[in-house]
N, C-alpha and C. Protein backbone atom coordinates (compact mmCIF):
# COMPACT_ATOMS: atom_id res chain seq x y z
N UNK A 1 22.89 11.12 -1.71
CA UNK A 1 22.72 9.72 -1.77
C UNK A 1 21.73 9.27 -0.77
N UNK A 2 21.51 9.98 0.43
CA UNK A 2 20.52 9.59 1.17
C UNK A 2 19.08 9.57 0.71
N UNK A 3 18.75 10.61 -0.07
CA UNK A 3 17.44 10.75 -0.72
C UNK A 3 17.24 9.56 -1.70
N UNK A 4 18.32 9.11 -2.48
CA UNK A 4 18.14 8.05 -3.35
C UNK A 4 17.80 6.81 -2.71
N UNK A 5 18.54 6.55 -1.59
CA UNK A 5 18.19 5.30 -0.77
C UNK A 5 16.85 5.36 -0.16
N UNK A 6 16.37 6.46 0.24
CA UNK A 6 14.99 6.57 0.85
C UNK A 6 13.99 6.24 -0.30
N UNK A 7 14.11 6.92 -1.47
CA UNK A 7 13.21 6.40 -2.62
C UNK A 7 13.34 4.94 -2.93
N UNK A 8 14.58 4.53 -3.00
CA UNK A 8 14.69 2.99 -3.34
C UNK A 8 13.93 2.22 -2.27
N UNK A 9 14.16 2.42 -0.98
CA UNK A 9 13.48 1.77 0.11
C UNK A 9 12.05 1.95 -0.05
N UNK A 10 11.57 3.08 -0.45
CA UNK A 10 10.01 3.35 -0.57
C UNK A 10 9.52 2.48 -1.79
N UNK A 11 10.38 2.39 -2.83
CA UNK A 11 9.88 1.70 -3.84
C UNK A 11 9.77 0.32 -3.68
N UNK A 12 10.82 -0.36 -2.97
CA UNK A 12 10.74 -1.68 -2.70
C UNK A 12 9.61 -2.08 -1.66
N UNK A 13 9.41 -1.13 -0.81
CA UNK A 13 8.16 -1.38 0.15
C UNK A 13 6.83 -1.30 -0.67
N UNK A 14 6.70 -0.45 -1.68
CA UNK A 14 5.49 -0.50 -2.60
C UNK A 14 5.52 -1.79 -3.29
N UNK A 15 6.51 -2.17 -3.88
CA UNK A 15 6.51 -3.41 -4.59
C UNK A 15 6.12 -4.67 -3.60
N UNK A 16 6.72 -4.78 -2.61
CA UNK A 16 6.25 -5.96 -1.68
C UNK A 16 4.86 -5.80 -1.38
N UNK A 17 4.39 -4.74 -1.05
CA UNK A 17 2.96 -4.43 -0.76
C UNK A 17 2.01 -4.89 -1.88
N UNK A 18 2.48 -4.37 -3.17
CA UNK A 18 1.69 -4.85 -4.29
C UNK A 18 1.67 -6.19 -4.61
N UNK A 19 2.86 -6.74 -4.44
CA UNK A 19 2.98 -8.28 -4.61
C UNK A 19 2.11 -9.06 -3.71
N UNK A 20 2.08 -8.60 -2.29
CA UNK A 20 1.31 -9.32 -1.43
C UNK A 20 -0.25 -9.04 -1.85
N UNK A 21 -0.56 -7.87 -2.19
CA UNK A 21 -2.00 -7.60 -2.48
C UNK A 21 -2.49 -8.18 -3.63
N UNK A 22 -1.69 -8.49 -4.70
CA UNK A 22 -2.10 -9.11 -5.91
C UNK A 22 -1.53 -10.54 -6.08
N UNK A 23 -1.31 -11.15 -5.02
CA UNK A 23 -0.63 -12.54 -5.06
C UNK A 23 -1.74 -13.58 -5.47
N UNK A 24 -3.04 -13.27 -5.32
CA UNK A 24 -4.09 -14.18 -5.57
C UNK A 24 -4.31 -14.20 -7.23
N UNK A 25 -4.03 -15.43 -7.86
CA UNK A 25 -4.28 -15.43 -9.33
C UNK A 25 -5.67 -15.96 -9.56
N UNK A 26 -6.32 -15.61 -10.70
CA UNK A 26 -7.55 -15.81 -10.91
C UNK A 26 -7.61 -17.20 -11.69
N UNK A 27 -6.50 -17.51 -12.40
CA UNK A 27 -6.61 -18.80 -13.21
C UNK A 27 -6.93 -18.45 -14.57
N UNK A 28 -7.25 -17.30 -14.89
CA UNK A 28 -7.66 -16.66 -16.22
C UNK A 28 -6.33 -15.78 -16.49
N UNK A 29 -5.53 -16.19 -17.72
CA UNK A 29 -4.53 -15.28 -17.84
C UNK A 29 -4.77 -13.86 -18.26
N UNK A 30 -5.92 -13.54 -18.81
CA UNK A 30 -6.20 -12.18 -19.13
C UNK A 30 -6.60 -11.41 -17.83
N UNK A 31 -7.33 -11.94 -16.95
CA UNK A 31 -7.71 -11.31 -15.78
C UNK A 31 -6.47 -11.11 -14.88
N UNK A 32 -5.37 -12.15 -14.89
CA UNK A 32 -4.25 -12.05 -14.20
C UNK A 32 -3.36 -10.75 -14.76
N UNK A 33 -3.47 -10.70 -16.12
CA UNK A 33 -2.76 -9.60 -16.72
C UNK A 33 -3.36 -8.24 -16.29
N UNK A 34 -4.60 -8.20 -16.16
CA UNK A 34 -5.38 -6.93 -15.83
C UNK A 34 -4.97 -6.70 -14.25
N UNK A 35 -4.93 -7.70 -13.41
CA UNK A 35 -4.56 -7.42 -12.02
C UNK A 35 -3.05 -6.86 -12.03
N UNK A 36 -2.24 -7.32 -12.86
CA UNK A 36 -0.84 -6.87 -12.89
C UNK A 36 -0.76 -5.40 -13.38
N UNK A 37 -1.68 -5.20 -14.30
CA UNK A 37 -1.73 -3.67 -14.83
C UNK A 37 -2.20 -2.72 -13.85
N UNK A 38 -3.19 -3.08 -13.08
CA UNK A 38 -3.67 -2.23 -11.73
C UNK A 38 -2.49 -2.09 -10.91
N UNK A 39 -1.80 -3.16 -10.53
CA UNK A 39 -0.55 -3.01 -9.67
C UNK A 39 0.45 -2.18 -10.25
N UNK A 40 0.85 -2.45 -11.52
CA UNK A 40 1.82 -1.46 -12.00
C UNK A 40 1.48 0.07 -12.28
N UNK A 41 0.11 0.28 -12.44
CA UNK A 41 -0.31 1.62 -12.48
C UNK A 41 -0.20 2.22 -11.08
N UNK A 42 -0.59 1.54 -10.13
CA UNK A 42 -0.53 2.25 -8.77
C UNK A 42 0.86 2.43 -8.36
N UNK A 43 1.89 1.62 -8.71
CA UNK A 43 3.24 1.91 -8.45
C UNK A 43 3.59 3.08 -9.39
N UNK A 44 3.28 3.11 -10.62
CA UNK A 44 3.65 4.23 -11.53
C UNK A 44 3.12 5.42 -11.07
N UNK A 45 1.83 5.57 -10.56
CA UNK A 45 1.27 6.95 -10.08
C UNK A 45 1.90 7.31 -8.86
N UNK A 46 2.43 6.53 -8.00
CA UNK A 46 3.15 6.86 -6.73
C UNK A 46 4.37 7.61 -7.13
N UNK A 47 5.15 6.90 -8.17
CA UNK A 47 6.38 7.47 -8.57
C UNK A 47 6.18 8.78 -9.25
N UNK A 48 5.13 8.97 -10.03
CA UNK A 48 4.74 10.29 -10.74
C UNK A 48 4.67 11.38 -9.84
N UNK A 49 3.73 11.16 -8.79
CA UNK A 49 3.64 12.15 -7.72
C UNK A 49 4.81 12.52 -6.87
N UNK A 50 5.47 11.42 -6.55
CA UNK A 50 6.60 11.61 -5.58
C UNK A 50 7.78 12.16 -6.23
N UNK A 51 8.17 11.50 -7.28
CA UNK A 51 9.50 11.81 -8.05
C UNK A 51 9.37 12.65 -9.22
N UNK A 52 8.20 12.84 -9.67
CA UNK A 52 7.88 13.66 -10.73
C UNK A 52 8.36 13.05 -11.97
N UNK A 53 8.40 11.74 -12.02
CA UNK A 53 9.04 10.90 -13.07
C UNK A 53 7.78 10.18 -13.72
N UNK A 54 7.46 10.49 -15.03
CA UNK A 54 6.37 10.02 -15.75
C UNK A 54 6.69 8.69 -16.53
N UNK A 55 7.92 8.37 -16.59
CA UNK A 55 8.24 7.20 -17.50
C UNK A 55 7.50 5.94 -17.07
N UNK A 56 7.39 5.59 -15.84
CA UNK A 56 6.64 4.26 -15.64
C UNK A 56 5.24 4.45 -15.83
N UNK A 57 4.64 5.52 -15.69
CA UNK A 57 3.31 5.70 -16.11
C UNK A 57 3.12 5.71 -17.55
N UNK A 58 4.08 6.24 -18.36
CA UNK A 58 3.84 6.12 -19.81
C UNK A 58 4.01 4.74 -20.26
N UNK A 59 4.42 3.83 -19.60
CA UNK A 59 4.55 2.47 -20.02
C UNK A 59 3.29 1.71 -19.81
N UNK A 60 2.44 2.05 -18.95
CA UNK A 60 1.34 1.51 -18.45
C UNK A 60 0.02 2.12 -18.63
N UNK A 61 0.02 3.41 -19.18
CA UNK A 61 -1.17 4.24 -19.46
C UNK A 61 -1.18 4.83 -20.75
N UNK A 62 -2.36 5.15 -21.18
CA UNK A 62 -2.52 5.84 -22.69
C UNK A 62 -2.04 7.25 -22.52
N UNK A 63 -1.57 7.85 -23.61
CA UNK A 63 -1.04 9.08 -23.67
C UNK A 63 -2.10 10.21 -23.14
N UNK A 64 -3.36 9.91 -23.32
CA UNK A 64 -4.39 10.78 -22.93
C UNK A 64 -4.43 10.83 -21.44
N UNK A 65 -4.48 9.69 -20.93
CA UNK A 65 -4.45 9.56 -19.40
C UNK A 65 -3.16 10.19 -18.75
N UNK A 66 -1.94 9.97 -19.25
CA UNK A 66 -0.82 10.60 -18.70
C UNK A 66 -0.80 11.98 -18.83
N UNK A 67 -1.46 12.59 -19.94
CA UNK A 67 -1.49 14.10 -19.97
C UNK A 67 -2.35 14.48 -18.97
N UNK A 68 -3.52 13.96 -18.55
CA UNK A 68 -4.26 14.33 -17.45
C UNK A 68 -3.51 14.40 -16.12
N UNK A 69 -2.86 13.25 -15.80
CA UNK A 69 -2.16 13.24 -14.66
C UNK A 69 -1.06 14.42 -14.70
N UNK A 70 -0.43 14.63 -15.69
CA UNK A 70 0.67 15.61 -15.76
C UNK A 70 0.02 17.08 -15.41
N UNK A 71 -1.27 17.20 -15.83
CA UNK A 71 -1.87 18.56 -15.51
C UNK A 71 -2.17 18.58 -14.06
N UNK A 72 -2.54 17.62 -13.48
CA UNK A 72 -2.82 17.63 -11.98
C UNK A 72 -1.60 17.80 -11.24
N UNK A 73 -0.52 17.09 -11.54
CA UNK A 73 0.84 17.27 -10.90
C UNK A 73 1.31 18.58 -11.01
N UNK A 74 1.28 19.19 -12.33
CA UNK A 74 1.63 20.52 -12.55
C UNK A 74 0.94 21.60 -11.60
N UNK A 75 -0.27 21.30 -11.34
CA UNK A 75 -1.14 22.32 -10.54
C UNK A 75 -0.67 22.18 -9.24
N UNK A 76 -0.27 21.14 -8.67
CA UNK A 76 0.19 21.06 -7.39
C UNK A 76 1.67 21.55 -7.27
N UNK A 77 2.50 21.54 -8.42
CA UNK A 77 3.83 22.06 -8.41
C UNK A 77 3.83 23.58 -8.44
N UNK A 78 2.81 24.09 -9.05
CA UNK A 78 2.71 25.53 -8.91
C UNK A 78 2.46 26.06 -7.67
N UNK A 79 1.96 25.30 -6.64
CA UNK A 79 1.83 25.56 -5.28
C UNK A 79 3.03 24.94 -4.54
N UNK A 80 4.14 24.52 -5.30
CA UNK A 80 5.23 23.84 -4.55
C UNK A 80 4.96 22.62 -3.77
N UNK A 81 3.98 21.86 -4.29
CA UNK A 81 3.64 20.69 -3.31
C UNK A 81 3.82 19.36 -4.17
N UNK A 82 4.23 18.33 -3.46
CA UNK A 82 4.26 17.04 -4.16
C UNK A 82 3.64 16.02 -3.08
N UNK A 83 3.16 15.03 -3.67
CA UNK A 83 2.52 13.98 -2.82
C UNK A 83 3.27 12.78 -2.51
N UNK A 84 3.47 12.31 -1.25
CA UNK A 84 4.23 11.13 -0.95
C UNK A 84 3.10 10.13 -0.47
N UNK A 85 2.95 9.00 -1.17
CA UNK A 85 1.86 8.09 -0.99
C UNK A 85 2.32 6.65 -0.77
N UNK A 86 1.65 5.97 -0.24
CA UNK A 86 1.97 4.43 -0.14
C UNK A 86 0.55 3.75 -0.22
N UNK A 87 0.51 2.73 -1.04
CA UNK A 87 -0.65 1.93 -1.11
C UNK A 87 -0.66 0.79 -0.07
N UNK A 88 -1.73 0.63 0.76
CA UNK A 88 -1.75 -0.22 1.89
C UNK A 88 -2.32 -1.56 1.40
N UNK A 89 -3.38 -1.51 0.71
CA UNK A 89 -4.19 -2.61 0.41
C UNK A 89 -4.97 -2.45 -0.88
N UNK A 90 -5.01 -3.34 -1.84
CA UNK A 90 -5.87 -3.31 -3.03
C UNK A 90 -6.58 -4.60 -3.11
N UNK A 91 -8.00 -4.54 -3.38
CA UNK A 91 -8.74 -5.70 -3.56
C UNK A 91 -9.54 -5.54 -4.82
N UNK A 92 -9.07 -6.44 -5.83
CA UNK A 92 -9.97 -6.42 -7.11
C UNK A 92 -11.24 -7.00 -6.82
N UNK A 93 -12.30 -6.20 -7.09
CA UNK A 93 -13.68 -6.73 -6.74
C UNK A 93 -14.23 -7.31 -7.99
N UNK A 94 -13.98 -6.81 -9.06
CA UNK A 94 -14.54 -7.33 -10.38
C UNK A 94 -13.70 -6.87 -11.55
N UNK A 95 -13.64 -7.74 -12.51
CA UNK A 95 -13.05 -7.48 -13.80
C UNK A 95 -13.90 -8.08 -14.97
N UNK A 96 -14.07 -7.11 -15.96
CA UNK A 96 -14.92 -7.44 -17.07
C UNK A 96 -14.05 -7.19 -18.29
N UNK A 97 -14.06 -8.21 -19.18
CA UNK A 97 -13.33 -8.15 -20.46
C UNK A 97 -14.32 -8.18 -21.56
N UNK A 98 -14.22 -7.33 -22.51
CA UNK A 98 -15.18 -7.31 -23.78
C UNK A 98 -14.16 -7.09 -24.91
N UNK A 99 -13.50 -8.17 -25.46
CA UNK A 99 -12.58 -8.10 -26.58
C UNK A 99 -11.28 -7.20 -26.14
N UNK A 100 -11.10 -6.21 -26.83
CA UNK A 100 -9.92 -5.39 -26.45
C UNK A 100 -10.00 -4.35 -25.55
N UNK A 101 -11.28 -4.34 -24.75
CA UNK A 101 -11.49 -3.43 -23.75
C UNK A 101 -11.76 -4.25 -22.43
N UNK A 102 -11.46 -3.53 -21.21
CA UNK A 102 -11.71 -4.27 -19.98
C UNK A 102 -11.99 -3.20 -18.99
N UNK A 103 -12.59 -3.52 -17.81
CA UNK A 103 -12.83 -2.51 -16.72
C UNK A 103 -12.35 -3.60 -15.42
N UNK A 104 -12.00 -2.75 -14.47
CA UNK A 104 -11.80 -3.37 -13.10
C UNK A 104 -12.37 -2.50 -12.05
N UNK A 105 -12.91 -3.13 -11.06
CA UNK A 105 -13.44 -2.34 -9.81
C UNK A 105 -12.46 -2.77 -8.80
N UNK A 106 -12.01 -1.79 -8.00
CA UNK A 106 -11.19 -2.13 -6.93
C UNK A 106 -11.55 -1.37 -5.59
N UNK A 107 -11.08 -1.95 -4.57
CA UNK A 107 -11.26 -1.39 -3.11
C UNK A 107 -9.80 -1.04 -2.71
N UNK A 108 -9.40 0.21 -2.45
CA UNK A 108 -7.99 0.44 -2.10
C UNK A 108 -7.78 1.32 -0.84
N UNK A 109 -6.81 0.95 -0.14
CA UNK A 109 -6.51 1.76 1.09
C UNK A 109 -5.28 2.25 0.84
N UNK A 110 -5.08 3.59 1.14
CA UNK A 110 -3.75 4.55 0.86
C UNK A 110 -3.53 5.23 1.98
N UNK A 111 -2.29 5.74 2.09
CA UNK A 111 -1.98 6.78 3.04
C UNK A 111 -1.00 7.75 2.22
N UNK A 112 -1.25 9.07 2.52
CA UNK A 112 -0.40 9.99 1.78
C UNK A 112 -0.39 11.27 2.58
N UNK A 113 0.53 12.07 2.32
CA UNK A 113 0.66 13.43 2.71
C UNK A 113 1.39 14.34 1.64
N UNK A 114 0.95 15.54 1.70
CA UNK A 114 1.56 16.60 0.77
C UNK A 114 2.79 17.31 1.57
N UNK A 115 3.79 17.43 0.78
CA UNK A 115 5.08 18.13 1.35
C UNK A 115 5.50 19.38 0.44
N UNK A 116 5.96 20.31 1.05
CA UNK A 116 6.49 21.41 0.23
C UNK A 116 7.65 20.87 -0.57
N UNK A 117 7.67 21.08 -1.99
CA UNK A 117 8.78 20.61 -2.80
C UNK A 117 10.06 21.30 -2.60
N UNK A 118 10.11 22.39 -2.09
CA UNK A 118 11.23 23.13 -1.85
C UNK A 118 11.99 22.82 -0.52
N UNK A 119 11.13 22.77 0.56
CA UNK A 119 11.72 22.77 1.91
C UNK A 119 11.56 21.23 2.36
N UNK A 120 10.72 20.41 1.74
CA UNK A 120 10.62 19.05 2.17
C UNK A 120 9.61 18.98 3.52
N UNK A 121 9.12 20.02 3.91
CA UNK A 121 8.24 20.05 5.20
C UNK A 121 6.86 19.78 4.78
N UNK A 122 6.09 19.05 5.71
CA UNK A 122 4.83 18.67 5.48
C UNK A 122 3.80 19.92 5.35
N UNK A 123 3.09 19.82 4.26
CA UNK A 123 1.93 20.83 3.89
C UNK A 123 0.67 20.38 4.74
N UNK A 124 0.31 19.09 4.58
CA UNK A 124 -0.75 18.42 5.21
C UNK A 124 -0.21 17.27 5.86
N UNK A 125 -0.77 16.90 7.03
CA UNK A 125 -0.34 15.49 7.71
C UNK A 125 -0.64 14.26 6.97
N UNK A 126 -0.03 13.16 7.40
CA UNK A 126 -0.44 11.95 6.76
C UNK A 126 -1.87 11.60 7.10
N UNK A 127 -2.42 11.16 5.92
CA UNK A 127 -3.83 10.82 5.95
C UNK A 127 -3.96 9.38 5.47
N UNK A 128 -5.00 8.56 6.10
CA UNK A 128 -5.34 7.24 5.72
C UNK A 128 -6.64 7.44 5.01
N UNK A 129 -6.79 6.87 3.71
CA UNK A 129 -8.02 7.07 2.94
C UNK A 129 -8.32 5.69 2.08
N UNK A 130 -9.60 5.47 2.10
CA UNK A 130 -10.16 4.40 1.34
C UNK A 130 -10.80 4.93 0.11
N UNK A 131 -10.60 4.17 -0.93
CA UNK A 131 -11.22 4.42 -2.32
C UNK A 131 -11.75 3.29 -2.91
N UNK A 132 -12.98 3.51 -3.60
CA UNK A 132 -13.56 2.54 -4.49
C UNK A 132 -13.10 2.98 -5.93
N UNK A 133 -12.42 2.31 -6.67
CA UNK A 133 -11.94 2.92 -7.94
C UNK A 133 -12.48 2.03 -9.07
N UNK A 134 -12.50 2.56 -10.29
CA UNK A 134 -13.13 2.11 -11.50
C UNK A 134 -12.00 2.27 -12.66
N UNK A 135 -11.31 1.30 -13.14
CA UNK A 135 -10.30 1.36 -14.10
C UNK A 135 -10.75 0.99 -15.50
N UNK A 136 -10.62 1.87 -16.52
CA UNK A 136 -10.89 1.36 -17.91
C UNK A 136 -9.58 1.08 -18.58
N UNK A 137 -9.60 0.00 -19.27
CA UNK A 137 -8.30 -0.33 -20.01
C UNK A 137 -8.56 -0.79 -21.39
N UNK A 138 -7.49 -0.62 -22.26
CA UNK A 138 -7.59 -1.01 -23.55
C UNK A 138 -6.39 -1.93 -23.82
N UNK A 139 -6.54 -2.91 -24.79
CA UNK A 139 -5.36 -3.60 -25.10
C UNK A 139 -4.64 -3.06 -26.21
N UNK A 140 -3.40 -2.74 -26.19
CA UNK A 140 -2.60 -2.04 -27.20
C UNK A 140 -1.30 -2.92 -27.35
N UNK A 141 -1.06 -3.29 -28.63
CA UNK A 141 0.12 -4.13 -28.90
C UNK A 141 0.34 -5.25 -28.05
N UNK A 142 -0.94 -5.93 -27.67
CA UNK A 142 -0.93 -7.22 -26.92
C UNK A 142 -0.87 -7.02 -25.55
N UNK A 143 -0.84 -5.83 -24.95
CA UNK A 143 -0.71 -5.47 -23.53
C UNK A 143 -1.77 -4.55 -23.03
N UNK A 144 -2.25 -4.84 -21.89
CA UNK A 144 -3.31 -3.98 -21.35
C UNK A 144 -2.62 -2.62 -20.70
N UNK A 145 -3.38 -1.61 -21.18
CA UNK A 145 -2.87 -0.24 -20.60
C UNK A 145 -4.20 0.49 -20.18
N UNK A 146 -3.92 1.37 -19.04
CA UNK A 146 -4.98 2.07 -18.38
C UNK A 146 -5.29 3.34 -19.32
N UNK A 147 -6.50 3.32 -19.59
CA UNK A 147 -7.05 4.57 -20.43
C UNK A 147 -7.70 5.54 -19.50
N UNK A 148 -8.31 5.24 -18.37
CA UNK A 148 -8.98 6.09 -17.52
C UNK A 148 -9.11 5.44 -16.12
N UNK A 149 -9.11 6.35 -15.06
CA UNK A 149 -9.22 5.80 -13.71
C UNK A 149 -10.29 6.83 -13.10
N UNK A 150 -11.34 6.32 -12.47
CA UNK A 150 -12.38 7.04 -11.85
C UNK A 150 -12.49 6.64 -10.36
N UNK A 151 -12.63 7.75 -9.56
CA UNK A 151 -12.84 7.54 -8.15
C UNK A 151 -14.40 7.27 -7.92
N UNK A 152 -14.73 6.20 -7.49
CA UNK A 152 -16.22 5.92 -7.29
C UNK A 152 -16.66 6.50 -5.91
N UNK A 153 -15.81 6.19 -5.01
CA UNK A 153 -16.24 6.83 -3.55
C UNK A 153 -14.91 6.99 -2.88
N UNK A 154 -14.94 7.90 -1.81
CA UNK A 154 -13.80 8.24 -0.97
C UNK A 154 -14.19 8.24 0.36
N UNK A 155 -13.41 7.63 1.32
CA UNK A 155 -13.70 7.75 2.75
C UNK A 155 -12.52 7.37 3.62
N UNK A 156 -12.82 7.44 4.81
CA UNK A 156 -11.70 7.08 5.87
C UNK A 156 -11.32 5.66 5.58
N UNK A 157 -10.03 5.46 5.64
CA UNK A 157 -9.43 4.07 5.79
C UNK A 157 -9.93 3.23 6.79
N UNK A 158 -10.00 3.96 8.00
CA UNK A 158 -10.50 3.17 9.17
C UNK A 158 -11.75 2.47 8.92
N UNK A 159 -12.81 3.32 8.29
CA UNK A 159 -14.10 2.71 7.94
C UNK A 159 -14.02 1.53 6.79
N UNK A 160 -13.03 1.74 5.83
CA UNK A 160 -12.96 0.78 4.85
C UNK A 160 -12.24 -0.52 5.17
N UNK A 161 -11.41 -0.53 6.36
CA UNK A 161 -10.82 -1.64 6.63
C UNK A 161 -11.33 -2.25 7.97
N UNK A 162 -12.40 -1.68 8.59
CA UNK A 162 -12.90 -2.28 9.73
C UNK A 162 -13.85 -3.64 9.46
């Protein structure tokens, strides 16, 4: 039961952080929906890596993208590693919508560590990292889903948040 409470507390902390990060509305319902999609995606990817639960990701990403994430997670599982991550800050820098396709550019600060899936011990220490990300989305059945995510740049979170 202690592990379930830990994950529940982590999930609530993630949601609070995401709600704070995405609290600014653009006034455009489609752009607001895309911002929510990015927030849901980041929550889902954290859950996928930490809990090995792909269900939230399957609700917000295309089958092809989910398959790519599964391959990455499975490669770490072969080494008995899982990632524990928290998103610290997300800034949506640009959203472009062209019909049923959209892109979003973000600036994101994360912290994460790798742990041994069997022992629970740290494999790598906690790291702060800054990413510039590019999300490709499509509208399917009236809702935006993530089709691809590309890392544009990566660097120290300290540099990114100074």
